[in-house]
């Protein structure tokens, strides 16, 4: 899955661009891809010394509510909260896409991982064939939140829904991501591809998945 993250501000905010958020407080859900996407959007627009963040709840509903209550200047959310924010008049000062990579522990067998790959691939084909049909899952997953319940399928920007078939993890991307996170003090140690990616399990699983699809 390719996830869309949006850096949002309130409708009454005086900030319109990522640069406007220099030295402003931005709430992030550290430990999640949304937070890393937020850091990348911010650091692309200003010196790192000007990036001012705080750790806030991983629940985007709580981050959105706190933003609207004025507890910080901006935050980053995914769907359906991007659409919720837009419908409320919030501004998207920046958006980005990032890979939501599926990973497995070493005790998962190649057969089990291959089955997961096949299931994801089928889901990708179905979603890409009719994205509007699957928007309801955003509403289902956040049912009970009035802001989400009030959304219609037509409120969603289908261009923000991006999915692609799973493939092997590129070493160059994995190394870059590791070293980038280390530069922020988020992880320690040097990148070791043999320790971080089980190429044997990965290869066997992808070959099994491809063989079943071909057969």
Protein backbone atom coordinates (compact mmCIF):
# COMPACT_ATOMS: atom_id res chain seq x y z
CA UNK A 1 0.00 0.00 0.00
CA UNK A 2 1.09 3.55 -0.72
CA UNK A 3 -0.18 5.82 2.04
CA UNK A 4 -1.06 9.49 1.68
CA UNK A 5 -0.15 11.76 4.57
CA UNK A 6 -1.28 15.38 4.75
CA UNK A 7 0.10 18.22 6.84
CA UNK A 8 -3.02 20.14 7.89
CA UNK A 9 -3.78 23.46 9.60
CA UNK A 10 -7.06 24.93 10.81
CA UNK A 11 -9.29 27.04 8.53
CA UNK A 12 -8.35 30.16 10.50
CA UNK A 13 -4.61 29.49 10.49
CA UNK A 14 -2.28 32.14 9.08
CA UNK A 15 -0.06 29.37 7.65
CA UNK A 16 -0.38 28.37 4.01
CA UNK A 17 2.90 26.64 3.14
CA UNK A 18 5.25 24.21 4.91
CA UNK A 19 7.75 27.07 5.22
CA UNK A 20 5.22 28.96 7.33
CA UNK A 21 5.52 26.20 9.93
CA UNK A 22 9.15 26.99 10.75
CA UNK A 23 9.47 27.20 14.55
CA UNK A 24 5.76 26.37 14.87
CA UNK A 25 4.53 23.40 16.90
CA UNK A 26 3.57 20.38 14.80
CA UNK A 27 2.08 17.31 16.49
CA UNK A 28 3.28 13.92 15.26
CA UNK A 29 2.46 10.33 16.20
CA UNK A 30 6.04 9.17 16.68
CA UNK A 31 6.66 5.53 15.86
CA UNK A 32 4.30 5.56 12.90
CA UNK A 33 4.83 6.22 9.19
CA UNK A 34 2.65 9.32 9.42
CA UNK A 35 5.17 10.95 11.76
CA UNK A 36 8.11 10.16 9.49
CA UNK A 37 6.18 11.58 6.52
CA UNK A 38 5.58 14.71 8.56
CA UNK A 39 9.26 15.13 9.31
CA UNK A 40 10.13 14.69 5.63
CA UNK A 41 7.60 17.31 4.56
CA UNK A 42 8.92 19.76 7.13
CA UNK A 43 12.63 19.23 6.56
CA UNK A 44 12.17 19.70 2.81
CA UNK A 45 10.96 23.24 3.50
CA UNK A 46 13.24 24.49 6.27
CA UNK A 47 16.47 23.86 8.19
CA UNK A 48 16.16 21.04 10.71
CA UNK A 49 16.75 23.52 13.50
CA UNK A 50 13.47 25.19 12.55
CA UNK A 51 11.46 21.95 12.78
CA UNK A 52 9.53 22.06 16.06
CA UNK A 53 7.46 18.97 16.85
CA UNK A 54 5.78 17.29 19.77
CA UNK A 55 4.69 13.72 20.31
CA UNK A 56 0.93 13.35 20.39
CA UNK A 57 -1.64 10.56 20.43
CA UNK A 58 -1.44 7.99 17.62
CA UNK A 59 -5.22 8.27 17.21
CA UNK A 60 -5.79 10.74 14.34
CA UNK A 61 -9.24 11.62 15.68
CA UNK A 62 -7.58 12.95 18.84
CA UNK A 63 -4.90 14.81 16.89
CA UNK A 64 -7.54 16.42 14.67
CA UNK A 65 -9.66 17.45 17.67
CA UNK A 66 -6.63 18.89 19.46
CA UNK A 67 -5.61 20.81 16.34
CA UNK A 68 -9.07 22.33 16.07
CA UNK A 69 -8.89 23.20 19.78
CA UNK A 70 -5.67 25.14 19.20
CA UNK A 71 -3.27 22.88 21.10
CA UNK A 72 -0.69 23.07 18.28
CA UNK A 73 -0.27 24.70 14.89
CA UNK A 74 -0.43 21.67 12.58
CA UNK A 75 -0.49 17.91 12.47
CA UNK A 76 -0.31 15.08 9.94
CA UNK A 77 -3.20 12.72 9.22
CA UNK A 78 -4.16 9.98 6.78
CA UNK A 79 -7.53 9.16 5.27
CA UNK A 80 -10.37 9.47 6.18
CA UNK A 81 -9.18 12.33 8.36
CA UNK A 82 -7.70 14.20 5.40
CA UNK A 83 -11.17 14.33 3.91
CA UNK A 84 -12.69 15.22 7.29
CA UNK A 85 -10.23 18.12 7.57
CA UNK A 86 -10.93 19.35 4.05
CA UNK A 87 -14.70 19.23 4.59
CA UNK A 88 -14.25 21.31 7.75
CA UNK A 89 -12.32 23.93 5.79
CA UNK A 90 -8.84 22.98 6.96
CA UNK A 91 -5.95 23.59 4.57
CA UNK A 92 -3.56 20.94 3.35
CA UNK A 93 -0.25 22.77 3.35
CA UNK A 94 1.58 19.71 2.08
CA UNK A 95 0.88 16.10 1.10
CA UNK A 96 3.16 13.17 0.44
CA UNK A 97 2.97 9.45 -0.27
CA UNK A 98 4.96 6.73 1.44
CA UNK A 99 5.14 2.95 1.32
CA UNK A 100 3.26 1.03 3.95
CA UNK A 101 5.48 -2.05 3.69
CA UNK A 102 4.21 -5.41 4.92
CA UNK A 103 6.85 -7.21 6.98
CA UNK A 104 7.01 -10.56 8.74
CA UNK A 105 8.97 -12.05 11.62
CA UNK A 106 11.49 -14.78 10.91
CA UNK A 107 9.16 -17.50 12.18
CA UNK A 108 6.68 -16.90 9.32
CA UNK A 109 7.06 -19.59 6.68
CA UNK A 110 7.59 -18.79 2.98
CA UNK A 111 4.23 -20.48 2.26
CA UNK A 112 2.39 -18.24 4.71
CA UNK A 113 4.11 -15.11 3.46
CA UNK A 114 3.41 -16.11 -0.15
CA UNK A 115 -0.28 -16.47 0.71
CA UNK A 116 -0.22 -12.97 2.17
CA UNK A 117 1.44 -11.62 -0.99
CA UNK A 118 -1.18 -13.26 -3.19
CA UNK A 119 -4.02 -11.86 -1.09
CA UNK A 120 -2.55 -8.35 -1.21
CA UNK A 121 -2.05 -8.59 -4.97
CA UNK A 122 -5.68 -9.60 -5.51
CA UNK A 123 -6.82 -6.74 -3.29
CA UNK A 124 -4.68 -4.28 -5.28
CA UNK A 125 -6.29 -5.36 -8.54
CA UNK A 126 -9.80 -5.06 -7.11
CA UNK A 127 -9.21 -1.64 -5.58
CA UNK A 128 -7.55 -0.22 -8.68
CA UNK A 129 -10.46 -1.47 -10.79
CA UNK A 130 -13.00 0.53 -8.74
CA UNK A 131 -11.54 2.72 -6.00
CA UNK A 132 -14.87 4.34 -5.19
CA UNK A 133 -16.31 0.95 -4.22
CA UNK A 134 -13.75 0.55 -1.44
CA UNK A 135 -13.91 4.04 0.08
CA UNK A 136 -16.54 2.67 2.46
CA UNK A 137 -13.78 0.84 4.35
CA UNK A 138 -12.48 4.19 5.59
CA UNK A 139 -15.90 4.94 7.00
CA UNK A 140 -16.28 1.44 8.44
CA UNK A 141 -12.95 1.56 10.25
CA UNK A 142 -13.84 4.88 11.90
CA UNK A 143 -17.55 4.32 12.42
CA UNK A 144 -18.92 6.16 15.43
CA UNK A 145 -16.93 9.32 14.81
CA UNK A 146 -19.48 11.94 13.74
CA UNK A 147 -17.05 13.70 11.40
CA UNK A 148 -16.40 10.45 9.52
CA UNK A 149 -20.01 9.26 9.62
CA UNK A 150 -21.01 12.52 7.92
CA UNK A 151 -18.76 11.86 4.91
CA UNK A 152 -20.17 10.60 1.64
CA UNK A 153 -18.26 8.53 -0.89
CA UNK A 154 -18.15 11.54 -3.21
CA UNK A 155 -16.30 13.61 -0.59
CA UNK A 156 -13.14 11.54 -1.07
CA UNK A 157 -10.39 12.42 -3.54
CA UNK A 158 -9.73 9.07 -5.21
CA UNK A 159 -6.32 10.29 -6.35
CA UNK A 160 -5.14 9.94 -2.76
CA UNK A 161 -5.93 6.22 -2.79
CA UNK A 162 -2.85 4.51 -4.19
CA UNK A 163 -2.09 0.79 -4.04
CA UNK A 164 0.47 -1.31 -5.89
CA UNK A 165 1.50 -4.94 -6.05
CA UNK A 166 3.99 -5.94 -3.34
CA UNK A 167 7.58 -6.57 -4.36
CA UNK A 168 10.98 -7.21 -2.78
CA UNK A 169 12.29 -4.42 -0.57
CA UNK A 170 14.90 -2.38 -2.51
CA UNK A 171 18.15 -2.32 -0.54
CA UNK A 172 18.88 1.27 -1.54
CA UNK A 173 15.54 2.48 -0.16
CA UNK A 174 15.89 0.45 3.02
CA UNK A 175 19.40 1.81 3.60
CA UNK A 176 18.30 5.39 2.94
CA UNK A 177 15.33 5.06 5.31
CA UNK A 178 17.51 3.57 8.05
CA UNK A 179 20.20 6.22 7.76
CA UNK A 180 17.63 9.00 7.58
CA UNK A 181 15.90 7.76 10.76
CA UNK A 182 19.28 7.40 12.46
CA UNK A 183 20.09 11.01 11.55
CA UNK A 184 17.00 12.07 13.54
CA UNK A 185 18.00 9.89 16.49
CA UNK A 186 15.04 7.58 15.95
CA UNK A 187 17.12 4.39 15.72
CA UNK A 188 20.68 3.41 16.62
CA UNK A 189 23.42 1.51 14.83
CA UNK A 190 24.52 1.05 11.25
CA UNK A 191 22.34 -0.46 8.56
CA UNK A 192 23.00 -4.17 7.93
CA UNK A 193 20.97 -5.53 5.03
CA UNK A 194 21.53 -9.16 6.11
CA UNK A 195 20.11 -8.41 9.55
CA UNK A 196 17.26 -6.17 8.39
CA UNK A 197 15.96 -8.14 5.39
CA UNK A 198 15.70 -11.93 5.21
CA UNK A 199 16.36 -12.21 1.49
CA UNK A 200 16.00 -16.00 1.49
CA UNK A 201 12.48 -15.95 2.96
CA UNK A 202 11.55 -12.97 0.81
CA UNK A 203 12.78 -14.64 -2.39
CA UNK A 204 11.10 -17.97 -1.63
CA UNK A 205 7.79 -16.30 -0.80
CA UNK A 206 7.74 -14.15 -3.94
CA UNK A 207 8.66 -17.13 -6.11
CA UNK A 208 5.90 -19.25 -4.56
CA UNK A 209 3.36 -16.45 -4.98
CA UNK A 210 4.36 -15.96 -8.63
CA UNK A 211 4.20 -19.70 -9.33
CA UNK A 212 0.67 -19.99 -7.95
CA UNK A 213 -0.50 -16.97 -9.98
CA UNK A 214 1.08 -18.39 -13.14
CA UNK A 215 -0.49 -21.81 -12.55
